Amino acid sequence: MTVEVARPDVADLTFQMYERSVHPELFQVTAELRIERENYTAEFRLWEAGHVISFRHGRECLTEVIATRQQMLPLHRRRVERRIQGCQHESQRFEDVRYDASFQLERLESNVYERCHDELAHDLRTADLACAFATNPRFGPLPMSLMRIDATQDSLLVHAFHTFPDSLAVVKTQSLYELDHV
């Protein structure tokens, strides 16, 4: 799927995690997917700045968001807010869920970025959720986002990749949700 949209400056991105749902209306969603398992439900959304992952188990709802600093998002029950730079890790423990996430911003040399972009473009066809963003007028590689999802009955592992050709950058995240009492 190719969608025309303006990709934000990668330097403005933040990684946020909430212990609540965040309304989808706050994002201009370009692709989405829902997965239901016996013990949880997960919703995945791609949008111009990155992604939104909502994980529900019983009364618990955890939401991970890649957004810009300018994006108006709620403060209530926000557990993590960090600028995306370098490589970072976050771990949180909730009543029945353990959440671990790693996120990083890689700025690459032009030739390395082109190879990385070509590999990810090839992976768009087999990704669980993917979107290429057309920008007009534009020459060169299109920005894209893709997710690979491994959903078992008691865990959810998500690998997400977001490319930013204007900055020769790739944002990578790995998020793991594990249930304790299954």
N, C-alpha and C. Protein backbone atom coordinates (compact mmCIF):
# COMPACT_ATOMS: atom_id res chain seq x y z
N MET A 1 0.84 -1.16 0.00
CA MET A 1 0.00 0.00 0.00
C MET A 1 0.90 1.24 0.00
N THR A 2 0.64 2.19 -0.89
CA THR A 2 1.37 3.45 -0.93
C THR A 2 0.39 4.58 -0.60
N VAL A 3 0.78 5.43 0.34
CA VAL A 3 -0.07 6.52 0.81
C VAL A 3 0.72 7.81 0.72
N GLU A 4 0.09 8.88 0.20
CA GLU A 4 0.77 10.17 0.12
C GLU A 4 0.65 10.89 1.46
N VAL A 5 1.82 11.22 2.03
CA VAL A 5 1.87 11.87 3.33
C VAL A 5 3.26 12.46 3.53
N ALA A 6 3.36 13.45 4.39
CA ALA A 6 4.67 14.05 4.69
C ALA A 6 5.26 13.36 5.92
N ARG A 7 6.43 12.78 5.77
CA ARG A 7 7.11 12.12 6.89
C ARG A 7 7.74 13.21 7.76
N PRO A 8 7.61 13.12 9.09
CA PRO A 8 8.19 14.15 9.95
C PRO A 8 9.72 14.04 10.03
N ASP A 9 10.34 15.03 10.62
CA ASP A 9 11.78 15.02 10.86
C ASP A 9 12.09 13.96 11.91
N VAL A 10 12.99 13.07 11.60
CA VAL A 10 13.32 11.97 12.51
C VAL A 10 13.85 12.50 13.85
N ALA A 11 14.44 13.67 13.88
CA ALA A 11 14.97 14.25 15.13
C ALA A 11 13.86 14.63 16.11
N ASP A 12 12.61 14.71 15.63
CA ASP A 12 11.48 15.09 16.48
C ASP A 12 10.74 13.89 17.08
N LEU A 13 11.19 12.67 16.81
CA LEU A 13 10.44 11.49 17.23
C LEU A 13 10.63 11.16 18.71
N THR A 14 9.54 10.66 19.30
CA THR A 14 9.58 10.17 20.68
C THR A 14 9.01 8.76 20.74
N PHE A 15 9.45 8.03 21.74
CA PHE A 15 8.92 6.71 22.07
C PHE A 15 8.10 6.90 23.33
N GLN A 16 6.82 6.52 23.27
CA GLN A 16 5.95 6.67 24.43
C GLN A 16 5.23 5.37 24.71
N MET A 17 4.98 5.12 25.99
CA MET A 17 4.24 3.92 26.39
C MET A 17 3.25 4.33 27.48
N TYR A 18 2.02 3.88 27.29
CA TYR A 18 0.92 4.22 28.19
C TYR A 18 0.35 2.96 28.83
N GLU A 19 -0.16 3.13 30.04
CA GLU A 19 -0.92 2.07 30.70
C GLU A 19 -2.41 2.41 30.53
N ARG A 20 -2.82 2.49 29.29
CA ARG A 20 -4.19 2.85 28.92
C ARG A 20 -4.27 2.80 27.40
N SER A 21 -5.48 2.93 26.88
CA SER A 21 -5.63 3.05 25.43
C SER A 21 -5.39 4.51 25.04
N VAL A 22 -5.02 4.72 23.80
CA VAL A 22 -4.88 6.06 23.24
C VAL A 22 -5.77 6.08 22.00
N HIS A 23 -6.64 7.06 21.93
CA HIS A 23 -7.65 7.10 20.87
C HIS A 23 -7.02 7.09 19.47
N PRO A 24 -7.45 6.17 18.60
CA PRO A 24 -6.93 6.11 17.23
C PRO A 24 -7.20 7.38 16.43
N GLU A 25 -8.20 8.15 16.84
CA GLU A 25 -8.54 9.39 16.13
C GLU A 25 -7.41 10.42 16.20
N LEU A 26 -6.47 10.23 17.12
CA LEU A 26 -5.35 11.15 17.26
C LEU A 26 -4.30 10.96 16.16
N PHE A 27 -4.44 9.92 15.36
CA PHE A 27 -3.45 9.57 14.35
C PHE A 27 -4.10 9.45 12.99
N GLN A 28 -3.37 9.83 11.96
CA GLN A 28 -3.83 9.62 10.59
C GLN A 28 -3.31 8.24 10.17
N VAL A 29 -4.09 7.22 10.46
CA VAL A 29 -3.68 5.84 10.26
C VAL A 29 -3.65 5.49 8.77
N THR A 30 -2.55 4.84 8.35
CA THR A 30 -2.41 4.46 6.94
C THR A 30 -2.55 2.95 6.73
N ALA A 31 -2.35 2.17 7.79
CA ALA A 31 -2.53 0.71 7.71
C ALA A 31 -2.77 0.20 9.12
N GLU A 32 -3.61 -0.83 9.24
CA GLU A 32 -3.88 -1.38 10.56
C GLU A 32 -4.17 -2.87 10.49
N LEU A 33 -4.00 -3.52 11.66
CA LEU A 33 -4.18 -4.96 11.78
C LEU A 33 -4.61 -5.25 13.20
N ARG A 34 -5.47 -6.23 13.36
CA ARG A 34 -5.92 -6.67 14.69
C ARG A 34 -5.65 -8.16 14.82
N ILE A 35 -5.10 -8.57 15.95
CA ILE A 35 -4.85 -9.99 16.23
C ILE A 35 -5.54 -10.34 17.54
N GLU A 36 -6.28 -11.43 17.53
CA GLU A 36 -6.94 -11.91 18.74
C GLU A 36 -6.42 -13.29 19.08
N ARG A 37 -6.04 -13.45 20.33
CA ARG A 37 -5.62 -14.74 20.87
C ARG A 37 -6.52 -15.02 22.07
N GLU A 38 -6.46 -16.22 22.57
CA GLU A 38 -7.30 -16.60 23.71
C GLU A 38 -7.08 -15.67 24.90
N ASN A 39 -5.83 -15.23 25.11
CA ASN A 39 -5.48 -14.48 26.32
C ASN A 39 -5.28 -12.98 26.11
N TYR A 40 -5.30 -12.52 24.88
CA TYR A 40 -5.10 -11.09 24.64
C TYR A 40 -5.58 -10.69 23.25
N THR A 41 -5.69 -9.39 23.07
CA THR A 41 -6.00 -8.78 21.78
C THR A 41 -4.96 -7.71 21.52
N ALA A 42 -4.49 -7.60 20.29
CA ALA A 42 -3.50 -6.58 19.94
C ALA A 42 -3.94 -5.87 18.66
N GLU A 43 -3.76 -4.57 18.65
CA GLU A 43 -4.05 -3.76 17.47
C GLU A 43 -2.79 -3.02 17.07
N PHE A 44 -2.52 -3.00 15.77
CA PHE A 44 -1.31 -2.39 15.22
C PHE A 44 -1.73 -1.35 14.20
N ARG A 45 -1.15 -0.17 14.31
CA ARG A 45 -1.46 0.91 13.37
C ARG A 45 -0.17 1.56 12.92
N LEU A 46 -0.07 1.81 11.62
CA LEU A 46 1.03 2.58 11.07
C LEU A 46 0.50 3.96 10.73
N TRP A 47 1.33 4.94 10.91
CA TRP A 47 0.96 6.31 10.56
C TRP A 47 2.23 7.05 10.19
N GLU A 48 2.11 8.30 9.75
CA GLU A 48 3.23 9.04 9.16
C GLU A 48 4.46 9.12 10.04
N ALA A 49 4.33 9.18 11.36
CA ALA A 49 5.49 9.31 12.24
C ALA A 49 6.04 7.97 12.68
N GLY A 50 5.23 6.92 12.65
CA GLY A 50 5.70 5.63 13.15
C GLY A 50 4.57 4.65 13.32
N HIS A 51 4.31 4.28 14.60
CA HIS A 51 3.28 3.27 14.84
C HIS A 51 2.61 3.44 16.19
N VAL A 52 1.50 2.70 16.33
CA VAL A 52 0.78 2.59 17.60
C VAL A 52 0.48 1.11 17.77
N ILE A 53 0.86 0.56 18.92
CA ILE A 53 0.55 -0.83 19.26
C ILE A 53 -0.28 -0.80 20.54
N SER A 54 -1.46 -1.42 20.50
CA SER A 54 -2.31 -1.53 21.69
C SER A 54 -2.42 -3.00 22.05
N PHE A 55 -2.11 -3.33 23.30
CA PHE A 55 -2.13 -4.71 23.79
C PHE A 55 -3.09 -4.77 24.96
N ARG A 56 -4.12 -5.64 24.84
CA ARG A 56 -5.13 -5.77 25.90
C ARG A 56 -5.14 -7.20 26.44
N HIS A 57 -5.08 -7.27 27.77
CA HIS A 57 -5.19 -8.54 28.48
C HIS A 57 -6.05 -8.29 29.72
N GLY A 58 -7.24 -8.90 29.73
CA GLY A 58 -8.14 -8.64 30.86
C GLY A 58 -8.43 -7.16 30.98
N ARG A 59 -8.20 -6.61 32.17
CA ARG A 59 -8.44 -5.18 32.42
C ARG A 59 -7.26 -4.31 32.01
N GLU A 60 -6.14 -4.93 31.70
CA GLU A 60 -4.94 -4.17 31.36
C GLU A 60 -4.92 -3.78 29.88
N CYS A 61 -4.47 -2.56 29.62
CA CYS A 61 -4.26 -2.09 28.26
C CYS A 61 -2.95 -1.32 28.23
N LEU A 62 -2.03 -1.74 27.39
CA LEU A 62 -0.75 -1.08 27.21
C LEU A 62 -0.69 -0.56 25.79
N THR A 63 -0.22 0.66 25.61
CA THR A 63 -0.14 1.26 24.28
C THR A 63 1.23 1.87 24.07
N GLU A 64 1.87 1.44 22.99
CA GLU A 64 3.18 1.96 22.59
C GLU A 64 2.98 2.88 21.39
N VAL A 65 3.63 4.04 21.42
CA VAL A 65 3.45 5.03 20.35
C VAL A 65 4.80 5.59 19.92
N ILE A 66 5.03 5.62 18.62
CA ILE A 66 6.12 6.41 18.04
C ILE A 66 5.43 7.63 17.44
N ALA A 67 5.77 8.81 17.95
CA ALA A 67 5.13 10.04 17.52
C ALA A 67 6.15 11.17 17.53
N THR A 68 5.74 12.34 17.09
CA THR A 68 6.62 13.50 17.17
C THR A 68 6.39 14.20 18.51
N ARG A 69 7.35 15.02 18.90
CA ARG A 69 7.21 15.78 20.14
C ARG A 69 6.04 16.76 20.06
N GLN A 70 5.70 17.18 18.84
CA GLN A 70 4.62 18.14 18.66
C GLN A 70 3.24 17.50 18.70
N GLN A 71 3.16 16.19 18.55
CA GLN A 71 1.88 15.48 18.54
C GLN A 71 1.20 15.64 19.90
N MET A 72 -0.03 16.07 19.88
CA MET A 72 -0.80 16.24 21.12
C MET A 72 -1.30 14.87 21.58
N LEU A 73 -0.66 14.35 22.62
CA LEU A 73 -1.04 13.06 23.18
C LEU A 73 -1.34 13.23 24.67
N PRO A 74 -2.15 12.34 25.23
CA PRO A 74 -2.51 12.49 26.65
C PRO A 74 -1.31 12.30 27.58
N LEU A 75 -1.39 12.91 28.73
CA LEU A 75 -0.37 12.75 29.77
C LEU A 75 -0.78 11.70 30.79
N HIS A 76 -2.10 11.52 30.95
CA HIS A 76 -2.64 10.59 31.94
C HIS A 76 -2.17 9.16 31.68
N ARG A 77 -1.54 8.58 32.68
CA ARG A 77 -1.06 7.19 32.67
C ARG A 77 0.01 6.92 31.61
N ARG A 78 0.73 7.98 31.21
CA ARG A 78 1.88 7.78 30.34
C ARG A 78 3.03 7.32 31.24
N ARG A 79 3.60 6.17 30.95
CA ARG A 79 4.66 5.59 31.78
C ARG A 79 6.05 5.89 31.24
N VAL A 80 6.15 6.12 29.94
CA VAL A 80 7.46 6.35 29.32
C VAL A 80 7.31 7.42 28.24
N GLU A 81 8.24 8.34 28.21
CA GLU A 81 8.36 9.28 27.09
C GLU A 81 9.84 9.58 26.94
N ARG A 82 10.40 9.17 25.81
CA ARG A 82 11.82 9.41 25.54
C ARG A 82 12.01 9.82 24.09
N ARG A 83 12.94 10.73 23.89
CA ARG A 83 13.33 11.05 22.52
C ARG A 83 13.99 9.83 21.92
N ILE A 84 13.75 9.59 20.64
CA ILE A 84 14.40 8.46 19.98
C ILE A 84 15.75 8.93 19.48
N GLN A 85 16.78 8.39 20.09
CA GLN A 85 18.16 8.70 19.70
C GLN A 85 19.03 7.56 20.20
N GLY A 86 20.01 7.17 19.42
CA GLY A 86 20.86 6.06 19.82
C GLY A 86 20.04 4.80 20.02
N CYS A 87 20.50 3.96 20.94
CA CYS A 87 19.82 2.70 21.26
C CYS A 87 19.40 2.75 22.72
N GLN A 88 18.11 2.46 22.98
CA GLN A 88 17.58 2.52 24.34
C GLN A 88 16.72 1.29 24.62
N HIS A 89 16.53 1.03 25.91
CA HIS A 89 15.74 -0.12 26.34
C HIS A 89 14.79 0.33 27.45
N GLU A 90 13.62 -0.28 27.46
CA GLU A 90 12.64 0.02 28.50
C GLU A 90 11.99 -1.28 28.96
N SER A 91 11.85 -1.45 30.28
CA SER A 91 11.17 -2.60 30.87
C SER A 91 10.14 -2.10 31.86
N GLN A 92 8.96 -2.67 31.80
CA GLN A 92 7.89 -2.31 32.74
C GLN A 92 7.19 -3.59 33.16
N ARG A 93 6.78 -3.62 34.41
CA ARG A 93 6.05 -4.77 34.95
C ARG A 93 4.66 -4.27 35.36
N PHE A 94 3.64 -4.99 34.90
CA PHE A 94 2.27 -4.65 35.25
C PHE A 94 1.67 -5.86 35.96
N GLU A 95 0.41 -5.79 36.29
CA GLU A 95 -0.21 -6.85 37.08
C GLU A 95 0.05 -8.24 36.50
N ASP A 96 -0.29 -8.47 35.25
CA ASP A 96 -0.11 -9.78 34.63
C ASP A 96 0.75 -9.75 33.37
N VAL A 97 1.34 -8.61 33.07
CA VAL A 97 2.08 -8.45 31.82
C VAL A 97 3.47 -7.89 32.10
N ARG A 98 4.46 -8.47 31.46
CA ARG A 98 5.81 -7.90 31.46
C ARG A 98 6.03 -7.33 30.06
N TYR A 99 6.50 -6.09 30.02
CA TYR A 99 6.71 -5.37 28.77
C TYR A 99 8.18 -5.01 28.66
N ASP A 100 8.80 -5.39 27.55
CA ASP A 100 10.18 -5.03 27.26
C ASP A 100 10.24 -4.45 25.86
N ALA A 101 10.93 -3.33 25.72
CA ALA A 101 11.06 -2.72 24.40
C ALA A 101 12.48 -2.19 24.22
N SER A 102 12.98 -2.34 23.01
CA SER A 102 14.23 -1.73 22.60
C SER A 102 13.90 -0.86 21.40
N PHE A 103 14.49 0.33 21.34
CA PHE A 103 14.24 1.21 20.21
C PHE A 103 15.51 1.98 19.91
N GLN A 104 15.74 2.18 18.62
CA GLN A 104 16.97 2.87 18.23
C GLN A 104 16.78 3.65 16.94
N LEU A 105 17.60 4.67 16.84
CA LEU A 105 17.68 5.48 15.64
C LEU A 105 19.06 5.24 15.04
N GLU A 106 19.08 4.77 13.80
CA GLU A 106 20.33 4.57 13.09
C GLU A 106 20.42 5.58 11.95
N ARG A 107 21.45 6.39 11.99
CA ARG A 107 21.75 7.31 10.87
C ARG A 107 22.88 6.65 10.09
N LEU A 108 22.67 6.50 8.79
CA LEU A 108 23.57 5.70 7.97
C LEU A 108 24.23 6.53 6.87
N GLU A 109 25.35 6.04 6.39
CA GLU A 109 25.96 6.62 5.20
C GLU A 109 25.04 6.32 4.02
N SER A 110 25.11 7.14 2.98
CA SER A 110 24.20 7.04 1.84
C SER A 110 24.16 5.64 1.23
N ASN A 111 25.32 5.06 0.95
CA ASN A 111 25.34 3.74 0.31
C ASN A 111 24.81 2.65 1.24
N VAL A 112 25.06 2.76 2.54
CA VAL A 112 24.55 1.79 3.51
C VAL A 112 23.04 1.94 3.63
N TYR A 113 22.56 3.19 3.67
CA TYR A 113 21.13 3.43 3.74
C TYR A 113 20.42 2.83 2.52
N GLU A 114 20.98 3.03 1.34
CA GLU A 114 20.36 2.49 0.12
C GLU A 114 20.23 0.98 0.18
N ARG A 115 21.26 0.28 0.65
CA ARG A 115 21.18 -1.19 0.77
C ARG A 115 20.13 -1.59 1.80
N CYS A 116 20.15 -0.92 2.94
CA CYS A 116 19.17 -1.21 4.00
C CYS A 116 17.75 -0.96 3.48
N HIS A 117 17.55 0.15 2.81
CA HIS A 117 16.24 0.50 2.26
C HIS A 117 15.78 -0.55 1.25
N ASP A 118 16.69 -0.99 0.38
CA ASP A 118 16.34 -2.01 -0.62
C ASP A 118 15.91 -3.31 0.05
N GLU A 119 16.61 -3.71 1.12
CA GLU A 119 16.24 -4.93 1.85
C GLU A 119 14.86 -4.79 2.49
N LEU A 120 14.60 -3.63 3.11
CA LEU A 120 13.29 -3.42 3.73
C LEU A 120 12.18 -3.32 2.68
N ALA A 121 12.48 -2.71 1.53
CA ALA A 121 11.50 -2.63 0.45
C ALA A 121 11.12 -4.03 -0.03
N HIS A 122 12.10 -4.91 -0.09
CA HIS A 122 11.84 -6.31 -0.45
C HIS A 122 10.96 -6.98 0.60
N ASP A 123 11.19 -6.65 1.88
CA ASP A 123 10.43 -7.24 2.98
C ASP A 123 8.99 -6.71 3.07
N LEU A 124 8.70 -5.59 2.40
CA LEU A 124 7.34 -5.04 2.44
C LEU A 124 6.31 -6.07 2.00
N ARG A 125 6.68 -6.88 1.02
CA ARG A 125 5.72 -7.85 0.45
C ARG A 125 5.33 -8.95 1.42
N THR A 126 6.23 -9.27 2.36
CA THR A 126 5.95 -10.39 3.27
C THR A 126 5.73 -9.93 4.71
N ALA A 127 5.78 -8.64 4.97
CA ALA A 127 5.56 -8.12 6.32
C ALA A 127 4.11 -8.35 6.74
N ASP A 128 3.89 -8.44 8.04
CA ASP A 128 2.53 -8.60 8.55
C ASP A 128 1.72 -7.32 8.37
N LEU A 129 2.39 -6.17 8.45
CA LEU A 129 1.74 -4.88 8.24
C LEU A 129 2.78 -3.96 7.63
N ALA A 130 2.42 -3.27 6.55
CA ALA A 130 3.40 -2.42 5.86
C ALA A 130 2.73 -1.29 5.11
N CYS A 131 3.50 -0.22 4.91
CA CYS A 131 3.02 0.92 4.14
C CYS A 131 4.21 1.70 3.60
N ALA A 132 4.13 2.07 2.32
CA ALA A 132 5.11 2.98 1.72
C ALA A 132 4.43 4.34 1.61
N PHE A 133 5.16 5.40 1.92
CA PHE A 133 4.61 6.75 1.93
C PHE A 133 5.13 7.52 0.73
N ALA A 134 4.24 7.92 -0.15
CA ALA A 134 4.63 8.72 -1.31
C ALA A 134 4.68 10.18 -0.88
N THR A 135 5.74 10.85 -1.26
CA THR A 135 5.84 12.29 -1.01
C THR A 135 6.02 12.95 -2.36
N ASN A 136 5.42 14.11 -2.56
CA ASN A 136 5.38 14.70 -3.89
C ASN A 136 5.85 16.15 -3.83
N PRO A 137 6.73 16.64 -4.69
CA PRO A 137 7.51 15.85 -5.63
C PRO A 137 8.65 15.16 -4.92
N ARG A 138 9.08 14.01 -5.42
CA ARG A 138 10.05 13.20 -4.70
C ARG A 138 10.86 12.37 -5.67
N PHE A 139 12.17 12.34 -5.43
CA PHE A 139 13.06 11.45 -6.17
C PHE A 139 13.78 10.60 -5.14
N GLY A 140 14.10 9.39 -5.50
CA GLY A 140 14.81 8.53 -4.57
C GLY A 140 13.86 7.63 -3.81
N PRO A 141 14.38 6.98 -2.78
CA PRO A 141 13.57 6.00 -2.05
C PRO A 141 12.41 6.65 -1.28
N LEU A 142 11.29 5.94 -1.25
CA LEU A 142 10.12 6.39 -0.50
C LEU A 142 10.28 6.01 0.97
N PRO A 143 9.79 6.85 1.88
CA PRO A 143 9.74 6.44 3.28
C PRO A 143 8.78 5.25 3.41
N MET A 144 9.08 4.36 4.35
CA MET A 144 8.20 3.21 4.55
C MET A 144 8.22 2.77 6.00
N SER A 145 7.18 2.02 6.37
CA SER A 145 7.07 1.41 7.69
C SER A 145 6.62 -0.03 7.50
N LEU A 146 7.17 -0.91 8.31
CA LEU A 146 6.72 -2.29 8.27
C LEU A 146 6.86 -2.94 9.62
N MET A 147 6.02 -3.95 9.86
CA MET A 147 6.03 -4.70 11.11
C MET A 147 6.06 -6.19 10.82
N ARG A 148 6.84 -6.88 11.63
CA ARG A 148 6.82 -8.34 11.68
C ARG A 148 6.30 -8.71 13.07
N ILE A 149 5.32 -9.60 13.11
CA ILE A 149 4.62 -9.90 14.35
C ILE A 149 4.66 -11.40 14.62
N ASP A 150 5.06 -11.77 15.83
CA ASP A 150 5.05 -13.16 16.27
C ASP A 150 4.11 -13.24 17.47
N ALA A 151 2.91 -13.79 17.25
CA ALA A 151 1.87 -13.82 18.28
C ALA A 151 1.61 -15.26 18.71
N THR A 152 1.98 -15.60 19.95
CA THR A 152 1.65 -16.90 20.52
C THR A 152 0.51 -16.69 21.53
N GLN A 153 0.09 -17.75 22.23
CA GLN A 153 -0.99 -17.62 23.20
C GLN A 153 -0.61 -16.79 24.41
N ASP A 154 0.68 -16.78 24.78
CA ASP A 154 1.08 -16.07 26.00
C ASP A 154 2.13 -14.98 25.78
N SER A 155 2.42 -14.66 24.52
CA SER A 155 3.37 -13.57 24.27
C SER A 155 3.15 -12.96 22.89
N LEU A 156 3.65 -11.75 22.75
CA LEU A 156 3.57 -11.02 21.49
C LEU A 156 4.92 -10.33 21.28
N LEU A 157 5.55 -10.61 20.15
CA LEU A 157 6.82 -10.00 19.80
C LEU A 157 6.63 -9.23 18.49
N VAL A 158 7.00 -7.94 18.50
CA VAL A 158 6.81 -7.08 17.34
C VAL A 158 8.13 -6.41 16.98
N HIS A 159 8.53 -6.56 15.72
CA HIS A 159 9.68 -5.85 15.17
C HIS A 159 9.12 -4.82 14.19
N ALA A 160 9.46 -3.56 14.41
CA ALA A 160 8.98 -2.49 13.52
C ALA A 160 10.17 -1.73 12.95
N PHE A 161 10.03 -1.30 11.69
CA PHE A 161 11.06 -0.55 10.99
C PHE A 161 10.40 0.64 10.30
N HIS A 162 10.98 1.82 10.47
CA HIS A 162 10.47 3.04 9.85
C HIS A 162 11.64 3.75 9.19
N THR A 163 11.55 4.00 7.88
CA THR A 163 12.66 4.64 7.17
C THR A 163 12.36 6.13 6.96
N PHE A 164 13.44 6.92 7.00
CA PHE A 164 13.38 8.37 6.81
C PHE A 164 14.46 8.76 5.82
N PRO A 165 14.17 8.64 4.51
CA PRO A 165 15.18 8.87 3.48
C PRO A 165 15.83 10.26 3.52
N ASP A 166 15.07 11.29 3.87
CA ASP A 166 15.64 12.64 3.90
C ASP A 166 16.77 12.76 4.92
N SER A 167 16.72 11.94 5.96
CA SER A 167 17.75 11.96 7.02
C SER A 167 18.70 10.77 6.92
N LEU A 168 18.49 9.89 5.92
CA LEU A 168 19.26 8.64 5.80
C LEU A 168 19.21 7.90 7.13
N ALA A 169 17.99 7.73 7.66
CA ALA A 169 17.82 7.15 8.99
C ALA A 169 16.77 6.04 8.98
N VAL A 170 16.95 5.11 9.93
CA VAL A 170 16.00 4.03 10.16
C VAL A 170 15.72 3.98 11.66
N VAL A 171 14.44 3.96 12.03
CA VAL A 171 14.04 3.75 13.41
C VAL A 171 13.60 2.29 13.51
N LYS A 172 14.21 1.58 14.47
CA LYS A 172 13.90 0.17 14.68
C LYS A 172 13.39 -0.01 16.10
N THR A 173 12.33 -0.80 16.24
CA THR A 173 11.84 -1.13 17.58
C THR A 173 11.61 -2.62 17.67
N GLN A 174 11.78 -3.13 18.88
CA GLN A 174 11.44 -4.52 19.19
C GLN A 174 10.67 -4.48 20.49
N SER A 175 9.43 -4.97 20.47
CA SER A 175 8.56 -4.90 21.65
C SER A 175 8.08 -6.30 21.99
N LEU A 176 8.19 -6.66 23.28
CA LEU A 176 7.78 -7.96 23.77
C LEU A 176 6.79 -7.79 24.90
N TYR A 177 5.64 -8.44 24.76
CA TYR A 177 4.61 -8.46 25.80
C TYR A 177 4.49 -9.91 26.24
N GLU A 178 4.74 -10.19 27.51
CA GLU A 178 4.65 -11.56 28.02
C GLU A 178 3.66 -11.63 29.16
N LEU A 179 2.77 -12.62 29.11
CA LEU A 179 1.78 -12.82 30.15
C LEU A 179 2.33 -13.70 31.25
N ASP A 180 2.01 -13.37 32.50
CA ASP A 180 2.46 -14.14 33.66
C ASP A 180 1.53 -15.29 33.97
N HIS A 181 0.24 -15.01 34.07
CA HIS A 181 -0.74 -15.99 34.55
C HIS A 181 -1.61 -16.49 33.42
N VAL A 182 -1.10 -17.42 32.68
CA VAL A 182 -1.87 -17.94 31.54
C VAL A 182 -2.34 -19.34 31.86
